């Protein structure tokens, strides 16, 4: 079976624009969650989110879309597509991959997804139509909001004519996109794949919808930096985040032949379904366990080969402990040998982009031999006994292989195992 390596990285998160600034801030304990000021949340219980910093407010790490896209282009796409394009540009340029002929273009593909897609565009266009009638609806409205148009836009931009596909599996989207893309390469349908996810659901209807489902944190509106606190006894829900993460995946021999820089290898991919509830995970944790077990089997590694788990860890009262239950079942006697942390404590929950940015953080933990911290973990839940959850400060340690988890509404689970490529 062909081996799949990572040769390019790109990301845009509440910590900032770009891979280097993200890692710098992540390991320093920086939290990118703030009060929402750009739209009205006075009648919404949750008033905080992990939004993309703008260059006008954050000169070091902020985003100015004009640096990446023409104003005319920006008007024709939802923010989730814009965010995805920014990360894709970073990743493709980082990889150095430029197909030189039709064969190489046909062997290069894209699989980018989103959990919700153009929610803001749909809401705004609905309001416009109700106020001014259907003739005011833009001809670009539908392609601006469709989830697969992120893959389409990137494919068109670079002339990648291979598999052009999108994943929509709620909060597992980013991980599923990477796993599915790796299999496309393994099975010989492409040599290079651009993979990941993007999300931009921080808008009135997005916040109202998740608040109505009682999924969001509401106790920390006045102290947003303390709001995302996986496994802490005072957690009360997840914090909405937005952004994008994109990886360039490549068949290993193809990458070596062109002298590409190789960050890591996608070694294992596992999936499962809870078949339990539309929003809540199965209390037994069996779905998450089976996804992790499947990824391990696919990787041909054992639990003793793992050094770090980047947990789904959303900061919800129920989900956090169910995941730890599944991890405890997987690790058995190796529980105290492996570090586990949740980077959502820094970024909030990026929904369909979460699995992709967390895969990048996992890769960087291997490259830098450093495990990022779980912020705000001051009083661990009783069920967290015996785990190294890396509270408050990043940790230097040997990191050979990482397990990264993503679990979504509808009981859809994805686990990736990423490791050194030797």
Protein backbone atom coordinates (compact mmCIF):
# COMPACT_ATOMS: atom_id res chain seq x y z
CA UNK A 1 0.00 0.00 0.00
CA UNK A 2 1.26 3.47 -0.91
CA UNK A 3 2.35 5.69 1.98
CA UNK A 4 0.97 9.20 2.50
CA UNK A 5 2.98 12.10 3.86
CA UNK A 6 2.25 15.74 4.65
CA UNK A 7 4.21 18.29 2.61
CA UNK A 8 2.25 21.51 3.15
CA UNK A 9 0.40 23.26 5.98
CA UNK A 10 -1.88 26.28 6.14
CA UNK A 11 -4.20 27.61 8.81
CA UNK A 12 -6.32 30.50 9.95
CA UNK A 13 -7.72 30.36 13.50
CA UNK A 14 -8.68 32.60 16.42
CA UNK A 15 -4.98 32.48 17.37
CA UNK A 16 -4.02 34.14 14.11
CA UNK A 17 -3.25 33.84 10.43
CA UNK A 18 -0.53 31.34 9.57
CA UNK A 19 1.08 28.21 10.96
CA UNK A 20 4.05 29.78 12.74
CA UNK A 21 2.05 32.33 14.72
CA UNK A 22 -0.51 29.68 15.62
CA UNK A 23 2.11 27.39 17.10
CA UNK A 24 3.88 30.22 18.90
CA UNK A 25 0.68 31.35 20.56
CA UNK A 26 -0.66 27.86 21.20
CA UNK A 27 2.31 26.64 23.22
CA UNK A 28 2.50 29.93 25.13
CA UNK A 29 -1.03 29.41 26.49
CA UNK A 30 -2.60 32.20 24.44
CA UNK A 31 -6.41 32.05 24.20
CA UNK A 32 -8.16 33.50 21.14
CA UNK A 33 -11.66 33.78 22.60
CA UNK A 34 -13.17 37.24 23.03
CA UNK A 35 -16.48 39.06 23.39
CA UNK A 36 -18.48 39.29 20.17
CA UNK A 37 -18.56 42.90 19.01
CA UNK A 38 -19.28 42.71 15.27
CA UNK A 39 -22.93 41.63 15.52
CA UNK A 40 -25.72 41.87 18.08
CA UNK A 41 -25.76 39.16 20.75
CA UNK A 42 -27.78 41.09 23.33
CA UNK A 43 -30.63 38.59 23.04
CA UNK A 44 -28.41 35.47 22.77
CA UNK A 45 -27.25 33.71 25.97
CA UNK A 46 -23.67 33.19 24.73
CA UNK A 47 -21.83 36.42 23.93
CA UNK A 48 -18.30 35.14 23.25
CA UNK A 49 -16.55 33.29 20.43
CA UNK A 50 -13.21 32.47 18.88
CA UNK A 51 -13.27 34.76 15.87
CA UNK A 52 -10.55 35.51 13.34
CA UNK A 53 -8.41 38.47 14.48
CA UNK A 54 -8.15 41.28 11.96
CA UNK A 55 -4.92 43.00 11.04
CA UNK A 56 -6.36 46.34 12.18
CA UNK A 57 -6.58 44.97 15.72
CA UNK A 58 -3.71 42.46 15.72
CA UNK A 59 -0.78 43.57 13.58
CA UNK A 60 1.26 40.45 14.33
CA UNK A 61 -1.31 37.80 13.50
CA UNK A 62 -4.45 39.42 12.11
CA UNK A 63 -6.07 38.79 8.74
CA UNK A 64 -6.61 41.28 5.94
CA UNK A 65 -8.53 39.47 3.22
CA UNK A 66 -7.39 42.07 0.69
CA UNK A 67 -3.92 40.53 0.97
CA UNK A 68 -5.32 37.23 -0.33
CA UNK A 69 -8.38 37.90 -2.47
CA UNK A 70 -9.56 40.68 -4.74
CA UNK A 71 -12.51 42.65 -3.32
CA UNK A 72 -14.64 41.45 -6.25
CA UNK A 73 -13.88 37.83 -5.35
CA UNK A 74 -14.70 38.40 -1.70
CA UNK A 75 -18.21 39.60 -2.56
CA UNK A 76 -18.96 36.37 -4.41
CA UNK A 77 -18.11 33.89 -1.66
CA UNK A 78 -19.12 33.22 1.92
CA UNK A 79 -16.53 33.77 4.62
CA UNK A 80 -16.00 30.03 5.09
CA UNK A 81 -14.82 29.77 1.48
CA UNK A 82 -12.59 32.83 1.88
CA UNK A 83 -11.04 31.36 5.03
CA UNK A 84 -10.51 28.03 3.29
CA UNK A 85 -8.85 29.65 0.30
CA UNK A 86 -6.44 31.55 2.56
CA UNK A 87 -5.33 28.34 4.30
CA UNK A 88 -5.16 26.47 0.99
CA UNK A 89 -2.89 29.13 -0.53
CA UNK A 90 -0.58 28.84 2.48
CA UNK A 91 -0.52 25.04 2.30
CA UNK A 92 0.04 24.75 -1.45
CA UNK A 93 2.78 27.37 -1.42
CA UNK A 94 4.37 25.68 1.60
CA UNK A 95 4.40 22.36 -0.26
CA UNK A 96 6.04 23.84 -3.35
CA UNK A 97 3.85 21.63 -5.56
CA UNK A 98 3.29 23.02 -9.06
CA UNK A 99 1.99 20.49 -11.62
CA UNK A 100 3.79 20.95 -14.93
CA UNK A 101 1.54 19.04 -17.31
CA UNK A 102 -1.94 17.62 -17.74
CA UNK A 103 -1.01 14.28 -16.24
CA UNK A 104 0.28 15.92 -13.05
CA UNK A 105 -2.79 18.17 -12.88
CA UNK A 106 -5.04 15.12 -13.21
CA UNK A 107 -3.15 13.40 -10.40
CA UNK A 108 -3.69 16.37 -8.04
CA UNK A 109 -7.01 16.73 -6.21
CA UNK A 110 -8.90 18.57 -3.52
CA UNK A 111 -11.11 17.40 -0.67
CA UNK A 112 -12.14 20.29 1.56
CA UNK A 113 -15.28 20.35 3.68
CA UNK A 114 -17.33 22.31 6.18
CA UNK A 115 -19.77 21.36 8.89
CA UNK A 116 -22.28 24.09 8.12
CA UNK A 117 -20.98 26.04 5.12
CA UNK A 118 -22.47 29.35 4.03
CA UNK A 119 -24.82 29.86 6.95
CA UNK A 120 -24.20 33.60 7.14
CA UNK A 121 -24.83 34.07 3.40
CA UNK A 122 -28.05 32.07 3.62
CA UNK A 123 -29.30 34.13 6.57
CA UNK A 124 -28.36 37.47 5.01
CA UNK A 125 -29.85 36.60 1.63
CA UNK A 126 -33.09 35.44 3.25
CA UNK A 127 -33.39 38.78 5.03
CA UNK A 128 -32.65 40.63 1.79
CA UNK A 129 -35.28 38.70 -0.16
CA UNK A 130 -37.94 39.20 2.49
CA UNK A 131 -37.22 42.93 2.56
CA UNK A 132 -36.69 43.66 -1.14
CA UNK A 133 -37.90 40.67 -3.12
CA UNK A 134 -36.26 37.81 -5.08
CA UNK A 135 -34.87 40.06 -7.82
CA UNK A 136 -32.33 41.37 -5.33
CA UNK A 137 -30.87 37.91 -4.78
CA UNK A 138 -27.36 37.68 -6.25
CA UNK A 139 -26.67 35.13 -9.01
CA UNK A 140 -23.61 34.19 -6.93
CA UNK A 141 -25.70 33.37 -3.85
CA UNK A 142 -25.95 29.60 -4.38
CA UNK A 143 -22.27 29.01 -5.32
CA UNK A 144 -21.24 31.32 -2.45
CA UNK A 145 -22.94 29.08 0.12
CA UNK A 146 -22.49 25.53 -1.22
CA UNK A 147 -20.00 23.54 0.84
CA UNK A 148 -18.37 21.82 -2.15
CA UNK A 149 -17.59 25.18 -3.73
CA UNK A 150 -14.64 25.51 -1.38
CA UNK A 151 -13.06 22.51 -3.07
CA UNK A 152 -14.23 23.85 -6.40
CA UNK A 153 -12.65 27.27 -5.89
CA UNK A 154 -9.29 25.77 -4.86
CA UNK A 155 -9.39 23.27 -7.72
CA UNK A 156 -10.02 26.06 -10.22
CA UNK A 157 -7.39 28.33 -8.71
CA UNK A 158 -4.61 25.78 -9.08
CA UNK A 159 -5.87 23.75 -12.03
CA UNK A 160 -6.00 20.56 -9.95
CA UNK A 161 -8.09 18.17 -12.07
CA UNK A 162 -7.95 15.06 -9.90
CA UNK A 163 -10.61 14.03 -7.35
CA UNK A 164 -12.73 17.05 -6.38
CA UNK A 165 -14.79 16.18 -3.34
CA UNK A 166 -16.17 17.56 -0.09
CA UNK A 167 -16.97 16.15 3.34
CA UNK A 168 -19.89 17.27 5.50
CA UNK A 169 -19.81 15.40 8.81
CA UNK A 170 -20.35 18.14 11.39
CA UNK A 171 -17.41 18.41 13.78
CA UNK A 172 -15.64 15.39 12.26
CA UNK A 173 -15.43 17.02 8.82
CA UNK A 174 -11.78 18.12 8.87
CA UNK A 175 -10.51 14.76 10.11
CA UNK A 176 -12.69 12.82 7.67
CA UNK A 177 -11.43 14.99 4.79
CA UNK A 178 -7.81 14.23 5.67
CA UNK A 179 -8.49 10.54 6.18
CA UNK A 180 -10.49 10.19 2.98
CA UNK A 181 -7.85 12.10 1.00
CA UNK A 182 -5.13 9.84 2.37
CA UNK A 183 -7.04 6.80 1.15
CA UNK A 184 -7.49 8.34 -2.30
CA UNK A 185 -3.70 8.54 -2.49
CA UNK A 186 -3.16 5.10 -0.94
CA UNK A 187 -5.44 3.47 -3.49
CA UNK A 188 -3.68 5.21 -6.38
CA UNK A 189 -6.39 7.64 -7.51
CA UNK A 190 -4.14 10.66 -6.96
CA UNK A 191 -0.56 11.54 -6.01
CA UNK A 192 -1.30 14.87 -4.30
CA UNK A 193 -4.40 15.95 -2.39
CA UNK A 194 -5.27 19.27 -0.75
CA UNK A 195 -7.35 18.35 2.31
CA UNK A 196 -8.98 19.98 5.32
CA UNK A 197 -11.92 22.06 6.45
CA UNK A 198 -13.23 25.58 6.97
CA UNK A 199 -16.00 27.16 9.02
CA UNK A 200 -17.50 30.60 9.57
CA UNK A 201 -20.61 30.07 11.69
CA UNK A 202 -20.00 32.95 14.11
CA UNK A 203 -23.10 34.91 13.10
CA UNK A 204 -26.46 35.61 14.72
CA UNK A 205 -28.24 32.54 13.44
CA UNK A 206 -25.27 30.27 14.16
CA UNK A 207 -24.92 31.48 17.73
CA UNK A 208 -28.69 31.39 18.29
CA UNK A 209 -28.98 27.86 16.94
CA UNK A 210 -26.27 26.35 19.12
CA UNK A 211 -27.47 28.36 22.11
CA UNK A 212 -30.99 26.96 21.60
CA UNK A 213 -29.47 23.47 21.69
CA UNK A 214 -27.87 24.43 25.03
CA UNK A 215 -24.47 23.49 23.68
CA UNK A 216 -22.63 26.77 24.26
CA UNK A 217 -20.89 28.13 27.33
CA UNK A 218 -22.86 30.93 29.01
CA UNK A 219 -21.19 31.35 32.41
CA UNK A 220 -18.06 33.09 31.17
CA UNK A 221 -19.43 35.97 29.07
CA UNK A 222 -17.51 38.42 31.24
CA UNK A 223 -14.32 36.36 31.28
CA UNK A 224 -13.98 34.84 27.78
CA UNK A 225 -10.36 33.77 28.25
CA UNK A 226 -11.57 31.33 30.92
CA UNK A 227 -14.55 29.96 28.99
CA UNK A 228 -13.15 26.94 27.14
CA UNK A 229 -11.98 24.56 29.87
CA UNK A 230 -12.02 20.89 28.83
CA UNK A 231 -12.22 18.39 31.72
CA UNK A 232 -12.45 21.15 34.30
CA UNK A 233 -15.27 20.80 36.83
CA UNK A 234 -16.56 24.29 36.00
CA UNK A 235 -16.96 23.76 32.23
CA UNK A 236 -20.45 24.51 30.93
CA UNK A 237 -20.36 24.09 27.16
CA UNK A 238 -18.23 24.69 24.10
CA UNK A 239 -17.24 28.04 22.64
CA UNK A 240 -17.89 28.67 18.96
CA UNK A 241 -14.81 29.19 16.83
CA UNK A 242 -14.14 29.79 13.16
CA UNK A 243 -11.32 29.49 10.66
CA UNK A 244 -9.67 26.88 8.48
CA UNK A 245 -6.98 24.25 8.33
CA UNK A 246 -5.54 22.78 5.12
CA UNK A 247 -2.87 20.12 4.52
CA UNK A 248 -1.16 19.01 1.34
CA UNK A 249 -0.97 15.23 1.35
CA UNK A 250 1.35 13.43 -1.04
CA UNK A 251 2.39 9.92 -1.94
CA UNK A 252 5.73 9.44 -0.18
CA UNK A 253 7.82 8.42 -3.20
CA UNK A 254 6.34 11.26 -5.21
CA UNK A 255 7.35 13.73 -2.49
CA UNK A 256 10.86 12.27 -2.16
CA UNK A 257 11.39 12.35 -5.92
CA UNK A 258 10.82 16.09 -6.08
CA UNK A 259 12.77 16.83 -2.89
CA UNK A 260 9.76 18.04 -0.95
CA UNK A 261 9.95 18.84 2.75
CA UNK A 262 8.07 16.16 4.70
CA UNK A 263 6.44 17.09 8.00
CA UNK A 264 4.89 13.77 8.97
CA UNK A 265 3.03 10.71 7.73
CA UNK A 266 -0.67 9.88 7.89
CA UNK A 267 -0.36 6.41 9.38
CA UNK A 268 -3.89 5.50 10.42
CA UNK A 269 -7.52 6.47 9.89
CA UNK A 270 -10.57 5.12 11.67
CA UNK A 271 -14.29 5.86 11.50
CA UNK A 272 -17.40 4.78 13.37
CA UNK A 273 -21.01 5.70 14.10
CA UNK A 274 -22.70 5.88 17.50
CA UNK A 275 -26.21 5.14 16.15
CA UNK A 276 -27.45 6.71 19.37
CA UNK A 277 -28.61 10.36 19.33
CA UNK A 278 -28.64 13.37 16.98
CA UNK A 279 -26.43 15.51 19.22
CA UNK A 280 -25.27 13.56 22.29
CA UNK A 281 -22.49 10.96 22.17
CA UNK A 282 -23.25 7.43 23.35
CA UNK A 283 -22.63 7.35 27.09
CA UNK A 284 -20.51 4.21 26.84
CA UNK A 285 -18.00 5.97 24.59
CA UNK A 286 -18.06 2.90 22.36
CA UNK A 287 -18.24 4.89 19.11
CA UNK A 288 -15.14 6.92 19.90
CA UNK A 289 -13.35 3.81 21.12
CA UNK A 290 -14.04 1.92 17.90
CA UNK A 291 -12.85 4.85 15.76
CA UNK A 292 -9.57 4.99 17.70
CA UNK A 293 -9.21 1.21 17.61
CA UNK A 294 -9.79 1.21 13.85
CA UNK A 295 -7.17 3.92 13.34
CA UNK A 296 -4.66 1.91 15.38
CA UNK A 297 -5.37 -1.20 13.34
CA UNK A 298 -4.97 0.74 10.09
CA UNK A 299 -1.64 2.19 11.29
CA UNK A 300 -0.29 -1.23 12.31
CA UNK A 301 0.91 0.45 15.52
CA UNK A 302 0.12 -0.42 19.12
CA UNK A 303 -0.94 1.75 22.03
CA UNK A 304 2.66 1.76 23.27
CA UNK A 305 3.69 3.54 20.05
CA UNK A 306 1.50 6.55 20.88
CA UNK A 307 2.89 9.50 22.82
CA UNK A 308 0.20 12.17 22.55
CA UNK A 309 -3.54 12.37 21.98
CA UNK A 310 -5.05 15.60 20.67
CA UNK A 311 -8.51 15.04 22.11
CA UNK A 312 -11.83 16.22 20.73
CA UNK A 313 -12.27 17.80 24.19
CA UNK A 314 -14.89 20.46 23.48
CA UNK A 315 -15.50 21.58 27.10
CA UNK A 316 -19.01 20.12 27.33
CA UNK A 317 -20.03 18.52 30.64
CA UNK A 318 -21.06 15.22 29.03
CA UNK A 319 -18.80 14.81 26.01
CA UNK A 320 -15.45 15.42 27.71
CA UNK A 321 -15.81 12.56 30.15
CA UNK A 322 -17.25 10.16 27.59
CA UNK A 323 -14.15 10.69 25.45
CA UNK A 324 -11.85 10.06 28.42
CA UNK A 325 -13.78 6.88 29.17
CA UNK A 326 -13.15 5.70 25.61
CA UNK A 327 -9.46 6.67 25.80
CA UNK A 328 -9.06 4.85 29.11
CA UNK A 329 -10.55 1.73 27.52
CA UNK A 330 -8.14 2.03 24.58
CA UNK A 331 -4.99 2.69 26.60
CA UNK A 332 -5.63 0.29 29.48
CA UNK A 333 -2.36 0.05 31.45
CA UNK A 334 -0.65 2.76 29.33
CA UNK A 335 -2.90 5.60 30.54
CA UNK A 336 -0.11 7.31 32.48
CA UNK A 337 2.43 7.04 29.65
CA UNK A 338 0.61 9.24 27.15
CA UNK A 339 -0.05 12.99 27.24
CA UNK A 340 -3.52 14.20 26.30
CA UNK A 341 -4.62 17.79 25.72
CA UNK A 342 -7.38 19.77 24.08
CA UNK A 343 -6.31 22.67 21.89
CA UNK A 344 -9.93 23.82 21.79
CA UNK A 345 -9.08 25.41 25.14
CA UNK A 346 -7.16 27.97 23.06
CA UNK A 347 -9.23 28.26 19.90
CA UNK A 348 -12.77 27.31 20.83
CA UNK A 349 -14.51 24.73 18.68
CA UNK A 350 -14.08 25.31 14.94
CA UNK A 351 -16.74 22.74 14.04
CA UNK A 352 -15.97 21.46 10.52
CA UNK A 353 -12.48 22.97 10.59
CA UNK A 354 -11.56 21.57 14.01
CA UNK A 355 -10.20 18.21 12.86
CA UNK A 356 -7.96 19.85 10.28
CA UNK A 357 -6.42 22.49 12.54
CA UNK A 358 -5.96 19.89 15.26
CA UNK A 359 -4.22 17.59 12.79
CA UNK A 360 -1.83 20.46 12.06
CA UNK A 361 -1.25 21.06 15.77
CA UNK A 362 -0.58 17.32 16.11
CA UNK A 363 1.99 17.47 13.32
CA UNK A 364 3.67 20.47 14.92
CA UNK A 365 3.86 18.61 18.22
CA UNK A 366 5.91 15.95 16.41
CA UNK A 367 8.08 18.48 14.59
CA UNK A 368 8.78 20.43 17.80
CA UNK A 369 8.67 17.54 20.30
CA UNK A 370 6.29 19.62 22.40
CA UNK A 371 2.75 18.94 23.60
CA UNK A 372 0.39 21.96 23.72
CA UNK A 373 -1.43 22.72 26.97
CA UNK A 374 -5.01 22.36 28.09
CA UNK A 375 -5.81 25.91 29.20
CA UNK A 376 -8.05 26.65 32.19
CA UNK A 377 -7.76 23.13 33.61
CA UNK A 378 -7.65 24.19 37.26
CA UNK A 379 -9.93 21.63 38.91
CA UNK A 380 -10.02 18.38 36.91
CA UNK A 381 -13.19 16.33 36.88
CA UNK A 382 -13.09 13.20 39.02
CA UNK A 383 -13.17 11.06 35.87
CA UNK A 384 -9.88 12.58 34.75
CA UNK A 385 -7.91 10.79 37.45
CA UNK A 386 -4.68 9.17 36.21
CA UNK A 387 -4.42 11.10 32.93
CA UNK A 388 -1.66 13.54 31.96
CA UNK A 389 -3.93 16.28 30.57
CA UNK A 390 -1.08 18.82 30.26
CA UNK A 391 -2.76 21.49 32.41
CA UNK A 392 -1.96 25.16 31.82
CA UNK A 393 1.56 24.80 30.37
CA UNK A 394 2.96 23.13 27.26
CA UNK A 395 5.26 20.19 27.82
CA UNK A 396 8.49 19.08 26.19
CA UNK A 397 8.52 15.34 25.59
CA UNK A 398 9.22 12.66 22.97
CA UNK A 399 6.41 12.67 20.41
CA UNK A 400 6.66 9.92 17.80
CA UNK A 401 3.01 9.30 16.96
CA UNK A 402 -0.14 11.27 17.71
CA UNK A 403 -3.79 10.22 17.81
CA UNK A 404 -6.22 13.02 16.92
CA UNK A 405 -9.95 12.64 17.61
CA UNK A 406 -12.98 14.36 16.08
CA UNK A 407 -16.56 13.48 16.99
CA UNK A 408 -19.66 15.10 15.50
CA UNK A 409 -23.43 15.50 15.74
CA UNK A 410 -25.25 12.47 14.43
CA UNK A 411 -22.73 10.20 16.10
CA UNK A 412 -20.07 10.48 13.39
CA UNK A 413 -16.55 9.76 14.65
CA UNK A 414 -13.11 10.07 13.08
CA UNK A 415 -9.63 9.34 14.40
CA UNK A 416 -6.30 9.99 12.73
CA UNK A 417 -2.88 8.67 13.64
CA UNK A 418 -0.04 10.88 12.47
CA UNK A 419 3.63 10.10 13.01
CA UNK A 420 7.22 10.57 11.94
CA UNK A 421 7.96 9.54 8.38
CA UNK A 422 11.19 7.56 8.25
